[in-house]
Amino acid sequence: MENIPEDQIELIKISIAQKFLIDHKDIMLKSCVVLISICCIFGGCSYFNKKLGLKNDHFVEEKVEKIIENETGLKIDLTPDDLTDPDL
């Protein structure tokens, strides 16, 4: 095997990393959108329920929790200050 200069090895590593990022851009973007959406929903559900006079664990919230569970496998409660579900 021939000796490859160190600077050439670095360029090869960079080009491999760039190709990986380009090939997986859609997956990473979707993951970021899902993560940001979960954070927004998680932080806002309890607040909006109180402001709008909705009870915790209403129909829309339960549907969103089910979608998150189906997509990620994580069972979460978007209104953690509500202690009605002892499984969480």
N, C-alpha and C. Protein backbone atom coordinates (compact mmCIF):
# COMPACT_ATOMS: atom_id res chain seq x y z
N MET A 1 0.84 -1.18 0.00
CA MET A 1 0.00 0.00 0.00
C MET A 1 0.89 1.25 0.00
N GLU A 2 0.56 2.17 -0.84
CA GLU A 2 1.39 3.37 -0.95
C GLU A 2 1.11 4.34 0.19
N ASN A 3 2.08 5.15 0.46
CA ASN A 3 1.92 6.17 1.50
C ASN A 3 1.15 7.36 0.95
N ILE A 4 0.06 7.69 1.63
CA ILE A 4 -0.75 8.84 1.24
C ILE A 4 -0.41 9.98 2.18
N PRO A 5 -0.12 11.16 1.63
CA PRO A 5 0.20 12.30 2.49
C PRO A 5 -0.95 12.62 3.45
N GLU A 6 -0.59 13.13 4.60
CA GLU A 6 -1.56 13.43 5.67
C GLU A 6 -2.62 14.43 5.21
N ASP A 7 -2.20 15.43 4.43
CA ASP A 7 -3.18 16.42 3.97
C ASP A 7 -4.19 15.82 3.01
N GLN A 8 -3.77 14.84 2.22
CA GLN A 8 -4.69 14.15 1.32
C GLN A 8 -5.70 13.30 2.11
N ILE A 9 -5.23 12.69 3.18
CA ILE A 9 -6.13 11.90 4.04
C ILE A 9 -7.19 12.80 4.65
N GLU A 10 -6.80 13.98 5.10
CA GLU A 10 -7.76 14.94 5.67
C GLU A 10 -8.79 15.36 4.64
N LEU A 11 -8.37 15.61 3.41
CA LEU A 11 -9.30 15.99 2.35
C LEU A 11 -10.28 14.85 2.04
N ILE A 12 -9.80 13.64 2.06
CA ILE A 12 -10.67 12.48 1.83
C ILE A 12 -11.70 12.37 2.95
N LYS A 13 -11.27 12.55 4.19
CA LYS A 13 -12.20 12.50 5.33
C LYS A 13 -13.27 13.57 5.21
N ILE A 14 -12.87 14.77 4.83
CA ILE A 14 -13.82 15.88 4.69
C ILE A 14 -14.82 15.59 3.58
N SER A 15 -14.35 15.07 2.45
CA SER A 15 -15.26 14.79 1.34
C SER A 15 -16.23 13.67 1.70
N ILE A 16 -15.79 12.68 2.46
CA ILE A 16 -16.69 11.61 2.91
C ILE A 16 -17.75 12.18 3.85
N ALA A 17 -17.35 13.05 4.76
CA ALA A 17 -18.30 13.67 5.69
C ALA A 17 -19.31 14.54 4.94
N GLN A 18 -18.84 15.30 3.97
CA GLN A 18 -19.75 16.13 3.17
C GLN A 18 -20.75 15.29 2.40
N LYS A 19 -20.29 14.19 1.82
CA LYS A 19 -21.19 13.30 1.08
C LYS A 19 -22.24 12.71 2.02
N PHE A 20 -21.83 12.31 3.21
CA PHE A 20 -22.78 11.76 4.18
C PHE A 20 -23.85 12.79 4.53
N LEU A 21 -23.42 14.03 4.79
CA LEU A 21 -24.38 15.08 5.14
C LEU A 21 -25.34 15.38 4.00
N ILE A 22 -24.83 15.40 2.78
CA ILE A 22 -25.68 15.66 1.62
C ILE A 22 -26.67 14.51 1.43
N ASP A 23 -26.20 13.27 1.57
CA ASP A 23 -27.07 12.11 1.38
C ASP A 23 -28.15 12.00 2.45
N HIS A 24 -27.87 12.47 3.65
CA HIS A 24 -28.80 12.31 4.77
C HIS A 24 -29.45 13.62 5.20
N LYS A 25 -29.39 14.64 4.33
CA LYS A 25 -29.92 15.96 4.66
C LYS A 25 -31.42 15.89 4.96
N ASP A 26 -32.19 15.16 4.16
CA ASP A 26 -33.64 15.09 4.37
C ASP A 26 -33.98 14.44 5.70
N ILE A 27 -33.30 13.37 6.05
CA ILE A 27 -33.58 12.68 7.31
C ILE A 27 -33.24 13.58 8.49
N MET A 28 -32.11 14.26 8.42
CA MET A 28 -31.71 15.14 9.52
C MET A 28 -32.66 16.32 9.65
N LEU A 29 -33.10 16.87 8.52
CA LEU A 29 -34.03 17.99 8.55
C LEU A 29 -35.37 17.57 9.16
N LYS A 30 -35.88 16.41 8.74
CA LYS A 30 -37.14 15.91 9.30
C LYS A 30 -37.01 15.64 10.79
N SER A 31 -35.88 15.09 11.20
CA SER A 31 -35.67 14.82 12.62
C SER A 31 -35.65 16.11 13.42
N CYS A 32 -35.01 17.14 12.88
CA CYS A 32 -34.98 18.44 13.58
C CYS A 32 -36.37 19.04 13.69
N VAL A 33 -37.16 18.95 12.63
CA VAL A 33 -38.52 19.49 12.64
C VAL A 33 -39.37 18.75 13.67
N VAL A 34 -39.25 17.43 13.70
CA VAL A 34 -40.01 16.64 14.67
C VAL A 34 -39.60 17.00 16.08
N LEU A 35 -38.31 17.12 16.33
CA LEU A 35 -37.82 17.45 17.66
C LEU A 35 -38.29 18.83 18.11
N ILE A 36 -38.20 19.80 17.24
CA ILE A 36 -38.66 21.16 17.57
C ILE A 36 -40.16 21.17 17.82
N SER A 37 -40.91 20.45 17.00
CA SER A 37 -42.36 20.38 17.17
C SER A 37 -42.73 19.75 18.50
N ILE A 38 -42.04 18.67 18.85
CA ILE A 38 -42.31 18.01 20.13
C ILE A 38 -42.02 18.96 21.29
N CYS A 39 -40.92 19.68 21.21
CA CYS A 39 -40.58 20.63 22.27
C CYS A 39 -41.65 21.72 22.39
N CYS A 40 -42.10 22.25 21.26
CA CYS A 40 -43.12 23.30 21.28
C CYS A 40 -44.44 22.77 21.86
N ILE A 41 -44.83 21.60 21.42
CA ILE A 41 -46.08 21.02 21.91
C ILE A 41 -45.96 20.68 23.38
N PHE A 42 -44.83 20.08 23.75
CA PHE A 42 -44.63 19.68 25.14
C PHE A 42 -44.67 20.89 26.08
N GLY A 43 -44.04 21.95 25.66
CA GLY A 43 -43.99 23.14 26.51
C GLY A 43 -45.27 23.95 26.49
N GLY A 44 -46.05 23.85 25.42
CA GLY A 44 -47.20 24.71 25.29
C GLY A 44 -48.55 24.11 25.62
N CYS A 45 -48.66 22.81 25.63
CA CYS A 45 -49.98 22.18 25.80
C CYS A 45 -50.62 22.55 27.14
N SER A 46 -49.92 22.39 28.20
CA SER A 46 -50.48 22.67 29.52
C SER A 46 -50.87 24.14 29.63
N TYR A 47 -50.03 25.02 29.14
CA TYR A 47 -50.30 26.46 29.20
C TYR A 47 -51.57 26.81 28.41
N PHE A 48 -51.64 26.30 27.16
CA PHE A 48 -52.81 26.62 26.34
C PHE A 48 -54.08 25.98 26.87
N ASN A 49 -53.98 24.80 27.45
CA ASN A 49 -55.16 24.17 28.05
C ASN A 49 -55.73 25.08 29.14
N LYS A 50 -54.86 25.61 29.98
CA LYS A 50 -55.32 26.49 31.06
C LYS A 50 -55.90 27.78 30.51
N LYS A 51 -55.23 28.39 29.52
CA LYS A 51 -55.69 29.66 28.96
C LYS A 51 -57.01 29.52 28.21
N LEU A 52 -57.20 28.40 27.51
CA LEU A 52 -58.42 28.20 26.73
C LEU A 52 -59.53 27.52 27.52
N GLY A 53 -59.24 27.16 28.76
CA GLY A 53 -60.25 26.52 29.59
C GLY A 53 -60.52 25.07 29.21
N LEU A 54 -59.55 24.45 28.55
CA LEU A 54 -59.71 23.04 28.16
C LEU A 54 -59.25 22.14 29.29
N LYS A 55 -59.85 20.97 29.36
CA LYS A 55 -59.38 20.01 30.35
C LYS A 55 -58.11 19.34 29.83
N ASN A 56 -57.30 18.85 30.72
CA ASN A 56 -56.12 18.12 30.31
C ASN A 56 -56.53 16.81 29.67
N ASP A 57 -55.70 16.31 28.77
CA ASP A 57 -55.94 15.06 28.04
C ASP A 57 -57.20 15.14 27.20
N HIS A 58 -57.44 16.27 26.53
CA HIS A 58 -58.57 16.37 25.62
C HIS A 58 -58.24 15.64 24.31
N PHE A 59 -59.21 15.56 23.41
CA PHE A 59 -59.13 14.75 22.19
C PHE A 59 -57.90 15.07 21.33
N VAL A 60 -57.66 16.34 21.05
CA VAL A 60 -56.54 16.72 20.18
C VAL A 60 -55.21 16.35 20.82
N GLU A 61 -55.08 16.62 22.11
CA GLU A 61 -53.84 16.30 22.80
C GLU A 61 -53.57 14.79 22.78
N GLU A 62 -54.60 14.00 23.00
CA GLU A 62 -54.44 12.55 22.98
C GLU A 62 -54.03 12.06 21.60
N LYS A 63 -54.59 12.66 20.54
CA LYS A 63 -54.21 12.28 19.17
C LYS A 63 -52.74 12.62 18.90
N VAL A 64 -52.30 13.81 19.34
CA VAL A 64 -50.91 14.21 19.14
C VAL A 64 -49.98 13.27 19.91
N GLU A 65 -50.34 12.91 21.14
CA GLU A 65 -49.53 11.97 21.92
C GLU A 65 -49.44 10.62 21.21
N LYS A 66 -50.54 10.17 20.61
CA LYS A 66 -50.55 8.88 19.90
C LYS A 66 -49.66 8.94 18.66
N ILE A 67 -49.70 10.07 17.93
CA ILE A 67 -48.85 10.23 16.75
C ILE A 67 -47.38 10.20 17.15
N ILE A 68 -47.03 10.90 18.22
CA ILE A 68 -45.65 10.91 18.70
C ILE A 68 -45.22 9.50 19.11
N GLU A 69 -46.11 8.79 19.79
CA GLU A 69 -45.78 7.42 20.22
C GLU A 69 -45.59 6.51 19.01
N ASN A 70 -46.43 6.64 17.99
CA ASN A 70 -46.31 5.80 16.80
C ASN A 70 -45.04 6.12 16.01
N GLU A 71 -44.67 7.40 15.94
CA GLU A 71 -43.51 7.81 15.16
C GLU A 71 -42.19 7.53 15.88
N THR A 72 -42.16 7.73 17.19
CA THR A 72 -40.90 7.65 17.92
C THR A 72 -40.80 6.45 18.85
N GLY A 73 -41.95 5.86 19.21
CA GLY A 73 -41.95 4.77 20.18
C GLY A 73 -41.94 5.26 21.62
N LEU A 74 -41.96 6.58 21.81
CA LEU A 74 -41.94 7.15 23.15
C LEU A 74 -43.36 7.46 23.62
N LYS A 75 -43.71 6.99 24.80
CA LYS A 75 -45.01 7.32 25.37
C LYS A 75 -44.82 8.52 26.28
N ILE A 76 -45.41 9.65 25.88
CA ILE A 76 -45.25 10.87 26.67
C ILE A 76 -46.61 11.46 26.99
N ASP A 77 -46.62 12.32 27.98
CA ASP A 77 -47.82 13.06 28.34
C ASP A 77 -47.51 14.53 28.12
N LEU A 78 -48.30 15.17 27.26
CA LEU A 78 -48.04 16.57 26.94
C LEU A 78 -48.48 17.52 28.04
N THR A 79 -49.21 17.02 29.02
CA THR A 79 -49.57 17.84 30.19
C THR A 79 -49.05 17.13 31.43
N PRO A 80 -47.74 17.24 31.67
CA PRO A 80 -47.13 16.50 32.78
C PRO A 80 -47.59 16.96 34.16
N ASP A 81 -48.21 18.13 34.25
CA ASP A 81 -48.70 18.55 35.56
C ASP A 81 -50.01 17.88 35.92
N ASP A 82 -50.58 17.14 34.96
CA ASP A 82 -51.80 16.37 35.20
C ASP A 82 -51.39 14.96 35.61
N LEU A 83 -51.80 14.52 36.77
CA LEU A 83 -51.37 13.23 37.30
C LEU A 83 -52.41 12.14 37.08
N THR A 84 -53.23 12.22 36.03
CA THR A 84 -54.28 11.23 35.81
C THR A 84 -53.76 9.94 35.21
N ASP A 85 -52.58 9.94 34.59
CA ASP A 85 -52.04 8.74 33.98
C ASP A 85 -50.84 8.23 34.79
N PRO A 86 -51.04 7.23 35.64
CA PRO A 86 -49.95 6.76 36.50
C PRO A 86 -48.86 5.98 35.76
N ASP A 87 -49.11 5.61 34.48
CA ASP A 87 -48.12 4.83 33.73
C ASP A 87 -46.94 5.68 33.28
N LEU A 88 -47.07 6.99 33.30
CA LEU A 88 -46.00 7.84 32.79
C LEU A 88 -45.12 8.36 33.89
